[in-house]
Amino acid sequence: MTALPETIPVREAHRFPTQALDAFLAGQGLGGLRELRQMRGGQSNPTFLVAAEAGEYVLRKQPPGKLLPSAHAVDREFRVLQALGRTDVPVPRAIAFCADPAVIGTPFYLMERLHGRVFWDPALPDLPREERAPIYLAMNEALARLHLVDPAAVGLSDFGRAGNYFRRQIERWSGQWAASKTRENEAIDRLAAWLPAHIPEDDETRLCHGDFRLDNMIFHPTEARVIGIIDWELATLGHPLADLGYNCIAYNTDPSVYRGLRGRDLDALGLPSQEEYVRRYCARTGRPDGITPFHLAFALFRLAVILEGVLARSKAGNASSDEAAEKGALGIALAERGWELARG
């Protein structure tokens, strides 16, 4: 395996003996292990590129060390990939799951290695202007396809609790904030108090990705088409507008904060506005409504708590990315923007 730009040598904190992995691969009919490199992404669950005799695969595992309750559930990731593999939602093929921590130290799973493009910057600076809007519309279509799936029809009716999604999520992430807190973040505290009192009355349940953003998709090498939605760790049954609000975070944050688009000339960039993007999604899914400041404030609150957790793991020495401390530090800026939207 050559040193690909999306991979690095395995980080010291994530190294593990590979003899048992070699045997596991052989037992799955994939042949022996030839090489192991770590993917640059994977803020939460360490991700590796595995070169075996039968080909290349992606391995996702839990991070080492003490974990927050219900976090890093790679078994759930594998289950949702298996289920969606029978639909028109673009996902990598799920190959094998291993619950035995004796193999590499934690549970893990293997999935198909997709070859395509990952776009890290929402402004898509590396593409010509005329190719940018089609990328956004392909992302929009992928989200709509996901939300049109009937969870019961693919065996995921028990993948989460039905109803009261926002209330339960606010309680959950408030608890995660309390469990991972390493510093003060007053905007998170304000949002934790404001959000429960402003939950919209409408309620519905679909399958939600939980981290649906541009860089969690692999696009076709030359076409404006999503070939794989990745990073399903936060997937659950929930309200589809939570995914849509999260997907629109880039529209509501500054370029200095999580590579946001706020203040940029979207027309000059060739990108659809948030209003157009939401309208396209609603047309694809048959929705009469769209997102509100609540959905955006909730998305920013949740992401801020997630990044505070990344910061906590960085301070503990077991974060999954070299950029963990830098990204975790954005928790304050994101929460403050969420509070700004909440106040109107």
Protein backbone atom coordinates (compact mmCIF):
# COMPACT_ATOMS: atom_id res chain seq x y z
CA MET A 1 0.00 0.00 0.00
CA THR A 2 1.49 3.33 -0.99
CA ALA A 3 1.32 6.29 1.41
CA LEU A 4 -2.01 7.77 0.31
CA PRO A 5 -2.79 11.41 1.19
CA GLU A 6 -5.82 10.36 3.25
CA THR A 7 -3.73 8.07 5.44
CA ILE A 8 -0.93 8.43 7.98
CA PRO A 9 1.15 5.94 9.98
CA VAL A 10 -0.84 4.56 12.91
CA ARG A 11 -0.81 7.04 15.79
CA GLU A 12 1.04 5.94 18.90
CA ALA A 13 -2.12 6.12 21.03
CA HIS A 14 -3.98 3.80 18.63
CA ARG A 15 -1.43 1.10 17.97
CA PHE A 16 -2.38 -2.49 18.66
CA PRO A 17 -0.85 -5.95 18.01
CA THR A 18 -1.88 -7.15 14.57
CA GLN A 19 -1.41 -10.91 14.86
CA ALA A 20 -5.00 -11.55 15.96
CA LEU A 21 -6.32 -9.17 13.28
CA ASP A 22 -4.38 -11.15 10.69
CA ALA A 23 -6.12 -14.33 11.87
CA PHE A 24 -9.53 -12.60 11.91
CA LEU A 25 -9.10 -11.42 8.33
CA ALA A 26 -8.11 -14.91 7.22
CA GLY A 27 -11.18 -16.32 9.00
CA GLN A 28 -13.38 -13.95 6.98
CA GLY A 29 -11.88 -15.23 3.75
CA LEU A 30 -9.95 -12.00 3.15
CA GLY A 31 -6.47 -13.49 3.42
CA GLY A 32 -3.70 -12.26 5.68
CA LEU A 33 -2.89 -8.69 6.70
CA ARG A 34 -0.36 -6.95 4.48
CA GLU A 35 -0.36 -3.39 5.82
CA LEU A 36 -2.25 -1.14 8.21
CA ARG A 37 -2.43 2.65 8.03
CA GLN A 38 -4.63 5.13 9.87
CA MET A 39 -7.10 7.42 8.13
CA ARG A 40 -6.66 11.13 8.80
CA GLY A 41 -10.31 11.61 9.76
CA GLY A 42 -12.22 9.86 12.51
CA GLN A 43 -12.48 12.39 15.34
CA SER A 44 -14.38 9.92 17.50
CA ASN A 45 -13.79 6.34 16.36
CA PRO A 46 -10.27 5.57 15.08
CA THR A 47 -10.44 4.52 11.43
CA PHE A 48 -7.86 2.50 9.52
CA LEU A 49 -7.13 1.40 5.98
CA VAL A 50 -6.48 -2.35 5.98
CA ALA A 51 -4.60 -3.93 3.10
CA ALA A 52 -5.31 -7.68 3.04
CA GLU A 53 -4.53 -10.31 0.46
CA ALA A 54 -8.08 -10.03 -0.95
CA GLY A 55 -8.03 -6.23 -1.23
CA GLU A 56 -8.37 -3.02 0.77
CA TYR A 57 -10.94 -2.48 3.54
CA VAL A 58 -11.77 0.18 6.11
CA LEU A 59 -11.69 -0.73 9.81
CA ARG A 60 -13.56 1.32 12.43
CA LYS A 61 -12.99 0.69 16.14
CA GLN A 62 -13.73 2.18 19.51
CA PRO A 63 -11.03 4.45 20.92
CA PRO A 64 -8.92 3.21 23.82
CA GLY A 65 -9.53 4.35 27.39
CA LYS A 66 -12.62 5.14 29.43
CA LEU A 67 -15.62 5.96 27.25
CA LEU A 68 -18.76 7.99 27.87
CA PRO A 69 -21.97 5.95 28.27
CA SER A 70 -23.50 4.85 24.93
CA ALA A 71 -20.73 6.55 22.95
CA HIS A 72 -18.56 4.97 20.20
CA ALA A 73 -21.12 2.23 19.46
CA VAL A 74 -19.45 0.62 16.46
CA ASP A 75 -21.94 -2.25 16.61
CA ARG A 76 -24.72 0.22 15.80
CA GLU A 77 -22.70 1.65 12.92
CA PHE A 78 -22.31 -1.82 11.46
CA ARG A 79 -25.99 -2.63 11.90
CA VAL A 80 -27.21 0.49 10.09
CA LEU A 81 -24.78 -0.08 7.22
CA GLN A 82 -26.09 -3.62 6.85
CA ALA A 83 -29.68 -2.44 6.85
CA LEU A 84 -29.21 0.42 4.39
CA GLY A 85 -27.24 -1.80 2.06
CA ARG A 86 -30.64 -3.12 0.94
CA THR A 87 -31.92 0.37 0.00
CA ASP A 88 -31.05 3.12 -2.48
CA VAL A 89 -29.22 5.06 0.25
CA PRO A 90 -25.53 5.14 -0.77
CA VAL A 91 -23.43 3.43 1.92
CA PRO A 92 -20.25 1.32 1.96
CA ARG A 93 -20.90 -2.42 2.07
CA ALA A 94 -20.71 -3.82 5.62
CA ILE A 95 -18.35 -6.81 5.69
CA ALA A 96 -17.75 -8.13 9.23
CA PHE A 97 -18.19 -7.17 12.88
CA CYS A 98 -16.02 -8.33 15.78
CA ALA A 99 -17.28 -7.86 19.35
CA ASP A 100 -14.28 -9.58 20.94
CA PRO A 101 -11.94 -6.94 22.45
CA ALA A 102 -9.16 -9.53 22.60
CA VAL A 103 -8.53 -9.20 18.85
CA ILE A 104 -7.37 -5.55 18.67
CA GLY A 105 -8.31 -4.19 22.09
CA THR A 106 -11.84 -2.97 21.35
CA PRO A 107 -14.83 -4.06 19.21
CA PHE A 108 -14.50 -3.13 15.53
CA TYR A 109 -15.98 -3.68 12.13
CA LEU A 110 -14.84 -3.87 8.52
CA MET A 111 -16.52 -2.19 5.59
CA GLU A 112 -15.93 -1.70 1.90
CA ARG A 113 -13.15 0.66 0.85
CA LEU A 114 -14.68 3.20 -1.52
CA HIS A 115 -12.58 5.16 -3.99
CA GLY A 116 -13.87 8.66 -4.55
CA ARG A 117 -13.67 12.28 -3.46
CA VAL A 118 -14.09 13.77 0.02
CA PHE A 119 -14.67 17.52 0.23
CA TRP A 120 -13.48 19.06 3.50
CA ASP A 121 -14.28 22.69 2.76
CA PRO A 122 -17.99 23.62 2.25
CA ALA A 123 -16.90 26.37 -0.18
CA LEU A 124 -15.51 23.67 -2.51
CA PRO A 125 -12.51 25.83 -3.51
CA ASP A 126 -10.88 23.05 -5.54
CA LEU A 127 -13.84 22.75 -7.93
CA PRO A 128 -14.83 25.06 -10.79
CA ARG A 129 -17.81 27.27 -9.92
CA GLU A 130 -20.22 25.35 -12.19
CA GLU A 131 -19.46 22.04 -10.44
CA ARG A 132 -20.22 23.24 -6.90
CA ALA A 133 -24.03 23.43 -6.86
CA PRO A 134 -24.38 19.87 -8.27
CA ILE A 135 -22.28 18.58 -5.35
CA TYR A 136 -24.64 20.27 -2.87
CA LEU A 137 -27.70 18.94 -4.66
CA ALA A 138 -26.23 15.42 -4.62
CA MET A 139 -25.71 15.75 -0.87
CA ASN A 140 -29.30 16.99 -0.59
CA GLU A 141 -30.57 13.99 -2.53
CA ALA A 142 -28.64 11.56 -0.33
CA LEU A 143 -30.21 13.07 2.80
CA ALA A 144 -33.67 12.89 1.28
CA ARG A 145 -33.17 9.24 0.32
CA LEU A 146 -32.18 8.44 3.89
CA HIS A 147 -35.25 10.13 5.36
CA LEU A 148 -37.59 8.39 2.91
CA VAL A 149 -36.53 4.98 4.23
CA ASP A 150 -39.11 3.29 6.47
CA PRO A 151 -37.04 2.08 9.48
CA ALA A 152 -39.38 -0.87 10.08
CA ALA A 153 -39.03 -2.01 6.46
CA VAL A 154 -35.26 -2.46 6.89
CA GLY A 155 -35.36 -4.01 10.36
CA LEU A 156 -34.51 -0.84 12.30
CA SER A 157 -37.78 -0.20 14.13
CA ASP A 158 -35.90 -0.79 17.42
CA PHE A 159 -32.84 1.28 16.46
CA GLY A 160 -33.99 3.99 18.84
CA ARG A 161 -37.08 5.22 20.65
CA ALA A 162 -39.96 6.68 18.67
CA GLY A 163 -41.25 10.14 19.54
CA ASN A 164 -40.04 13.02 21.74
CA TYR A 165 -36.71 12.99 19.93
CA PHE A 166 -35.67 16.56 20.65
CA ARG A 167 -36.52 16.37 24.34
CA ARG A 168 -34.60 13.13 24.78
CA GLN A 169 -31.65 14.40 22.77
CA ILE A 170 -31.43 17.63 24.76
CA GLU A 171 -31.40 15.59 27.96
CA ARG A 172 -28.78 13.22 26.53
CA TRP A 173 -26.38 15.90 25.32
CA SER A 174 -26.83 17.91 28.49
CA GLY A 175 -25.75 14.77 30.33
CA GLN A 176 -22.80 14.26 27.99
CA TRP A 177 -21.76 17.85 28.62
CA ALA A 178 -21.80 17.26 32.36
CA ALA A 179 -19.79 14.04 31.92
CA SER A 180 -17.11 15.49 29.61
CA LYS A 181 -16.84 19.04 30.92
CA THR A 182 -13.24 20.25 31.30
CA ARG A 183 -13.91 24.01 31.27
CA GLU A 184 -16.76 26.52 31.40
CA ASN A 185 -18.95 27.07 28.33
CA GLU A 186 -21.73 29.44 29.30
CA ALA A 187 -23.45 29.33 25.91
CA ILE A 188 -23.92 25.56 26.19
CA ASP A 189 -25.50 26.07 29.60
CA ARG A 190 -27.84 28.74 28.20
CA LEU A 191 -28.89 26.54 25.29
CA ALA A 192 -29.45 23.57 27.61
CA ALA A 193 -31.97 25.73 29.47
CA TRP A 194 -33.55 27.41 26.40
CA LEU A 195 -34.03 24.44 24.08
CA PRO A 196 -36.46 22.34 26.19
CA ALA A 197 -38.86 25.29 26.38
CA HIS A 198 -38.91 25.85 22.61
CA ILE A 199 -39.35 22.36 21.13
CA PRO A 200 -41.69 22.46 18.09
CA GLU A 201 -45.01 20.66 18.52
CA ASP A 202 -44.68 18.48 15.41
CA ASP A 203 -43.24 15.03 16.04
CA GLU A 204 -42.18 12.26 13.70
CA THR A 205 -39.69 9.42 13.55
CA ARG A 206 -37.32 8.50 10.74
CA LEU A 207 -33.78 7.17 10.53
CA CYS A 208 -31.31 9.99 11.23
CA HIS A 209 -27.59 9.96 10.48
CA GLY A 210 -26.73 12.35 13.30
CA ASP A 211 -23.57 13.80 11.71
CA PHE A 212 -24.72 14.55 8.18
CA ARG A 213 -22.24 16.99 6.69
CA LEU A 214 -20.28 17.33 3.47
CA ASP A 215 -17.07 15.64 4.64
CA ASN A 216 -18.96 12.57 5.86
CA MET A 217 -19.71 11.64 2.27
CA ILE A 218 -17.63 10.03 -0.45
CA PHE A 219 -18.48 11.33 -3.91
CA HIS A 220 -17.96 9.60 -7.23
CA PRO A 221 -14.46 10.32 -8.64
CA THR A 222 -15.82 12.39 -11.54
CA GLU A 223 -19.62 12.67 -11.15
CA ALA A 224 -21.69 14.82 -8.77
CA ARG A 225 -23.02 11.76 -6.99
CA VAL A 226 -22.68 10.43 -3.45
CA ILE A 227 -21.40 6.85 -3.47
CA GLY A 228 -21.11 6.43 0.29
CA ILE A 229 -22.36 8.15 3.44
CA ILE A 230 -19.91 7.35 6.25
CA ASP A 231 -19.45 7.88 10.01
CA TRP A 232 -22.75 6.49 11.31
CA GLU A 233 -21.78 6.49 15.00
CA LEU A 234 -24.55 8.92 15.98
CA ALA A 235 -27.30 7.33 13.87
CA THR A 236 -30.62 6.66 15.58
CA LEU A 237 -34.35 7.01 15.11
CA GLY A 238 -35.23 10.67 15.33
CA HIS A 239 -36.71 13.75 13.73
CA PRO A 240 -35.52 14.31 10.14
CA LEU A 241 -35.33 18.09 10.61
CA ALA A 242 -32.59 17.51 13.17
CA ASP A 243 -30.43 16.08 10.36
CA LEU A 244 -31.39 18.91 8.01
CA GLY A 245 -30.60 21.57 10.61
CA TYR A 246 -27.23 19.97 11.30
CA ASN A 247 -26.54 19.74 7.56
CA CYS A 248 -27.10 23.53 7.36
CA ILE A 249 -24.60 24.46 10.09
CA ALA A 250 -22.07 25.65 7.50
CA TYR A 251 -24.55 28.28 6.29
CA ASN A 252 -24.74 29.71 9.81
CA THR A 253 -21.11 29.78 10.93
CA ASP A 254 -18.21 32.02 9.93
CA PRO A 255 -15.33 30.78 7.77
CA SER A 256 -13.08 30.86 10.84
CA VAL A 257 -15.48 28.55 12.70
CA TYR A 258 -15.70 25.07 11.25
CA ARG A 259 -15.13 26.39 7.70
CA GLY A 260 -18.53 28.08 7.64
CA LEU A 261 -20.10 30.00 4.76
CA ARG A 262 -21.69 32.82 6.72
CA GLY A 263 -20.86 36.17 5.12
CA ARG A 264 -19.58 34.57 1.92
CA ASP A 265 -21.04 35.49 -1.49
CA LEU A 266 -22.82 32.23 -2.24
CA ASP A 267 -23.88 33.31 -5.72
CA ALA A 268 -20.30 34.14 -6.63
CA LEU A 269 -19.23 30.76 -5.28
CA GLY A 270 -21.95 29.02 -7.28
CA LEU A 271 -23.53 27.54 -4.16
CA PRO A 272 -27.26 27.34 -3.38
CA SER A 273 -28.55 29.50 -0.54
CA GLN A 274 -29.81 27.84 2.62
CA GLU A 275 -33.36 28.69 1.57
CA GLU A 276 -32.91 27.01 -1.80
CA TYR A 277 -31.19 24.03 -0.24
CA VAL A 278 -34.02 23.52 2.26
CA ARG A 279 -36.63 24.01 -0.47
CA ARG A 280 -35.02 21.27 -2.58
CA TYR A 281 -34.99 18.90 0.38
CA CYS A 282 -38.66 19.58 1.15
CA ALA A 283 -39.59 19.01 -2.50
CA ARG A 284 -37.73 15.68 -2.53
CA THR A 285 -39.32 14.46 0.72
CA GLY A 286 -42.76 16.00 0.30
CA ARG A 287 -42.44 18.15 3.42
CA PRO A 288 -44.55 21.31 3.76
CA ASP A 289 -42.17 22.82 6.31
CA GLY A 290 -38.47 23.46 6.83
CA ILE A 291 -36.02 24.26 9.58
CA THR A 292 -36.42 27.03 12.15
CA PRO A 293 -33.97 28.81 14.49
CA PHE A 294 -34.72 26.04 17.02
CA HIS A 295 -33.37 23.33 14.69
CA LEU A 296 -30.21 25.33 14.02
CA ALA A 297 -29.68 26.19 17.71
CA PHE A 298 -30.20 22.53 18.63
CA ALA A 299 -27.69 21.42 15.97
CA LEU A 300 -25.05 23.87 17.19
CA PHE A 301 -25.67 22.94 20.85
CA ARG A 302 -25.21 19.28 20.04
CA LEU A 303 -22.08 19.83 17.95
CA ALA A 304 -20.60 22.06 20.63
CA VAL A 305 -21.07 19.31 23.22
CA ILE A 306 -19.53 16.75 20.84
CA LEU A 307 -16.48 18.95 20.34
CA GLU A 308 -16.16 19.51 24.07
CA GLY A 309 -16.00 15.72 24.32
CA VAL A 310 -13.27 15.68 21.65
CA LEU A 311 -11.38 18.25 23.71
CA ALA A 312 -11.79 16.12 26.84
CA ARG A 313 -10.41 13.05 25.03
CA SER A 314 -7.53 15.13 23.71
CA LYS A 315 -6.65 16.24 27.22
CA ALA A 316 -6.87 12.61 28.34
CA GLY A 317 -4.53 11.58 25.51
CA ASN A 318 -6.85 9.21 23.62
CA ALA A 319 -8.45 11.42 20.94
CA SER A 320 -8.66 9.94 17.44
CA SER A 321 -7.15 12.84 15.51
CA ASP A 322 -4.11 15.08 15.77
CA GLU A 323 -6.49 18.02 15.28
CA ALA A 324 -8.69 17.03 18.22
CA ALA A 325 -7.55 19.79 20.59
CA GLU A 326 -7.95 22.47 17.91
CA LYS A 327 -11.42 21.27 16.89
CA GLY A 328 -12.51 20.76 20.48
CA ALA A 329 -11.66 24.38 21.20
CA LEU A 330 -14.36 25.43 18.71
CA GLY A 331 -17.04 24.29 21.16
CA ILE A 332 -17.34 27.78 22.64
CA ALA A 333 -17.68 29.57 19.28
CA LEU A 334 -20.31 27.11 18.03
CA ALA A 335 -22.35 27.30 21.22
CA GLU A 336 -22.23 31.10 21.16
CA ARG A 337 -23.51 31.10 17.57
CA GLY A 338 -26.29 28.72 18.58
CA TRP A 339 -27.30 31.03 21.40
CA GLU A 340 -27.26 33.99 19.00
CA LEU A 341 -29.69 32.16 16.67
CA ALA A 342 -31.88 31.12 19.60
CA ARG A 343 -32.26 34.71 20.76
CA GLY A 344 -33.13 35.82 17.22
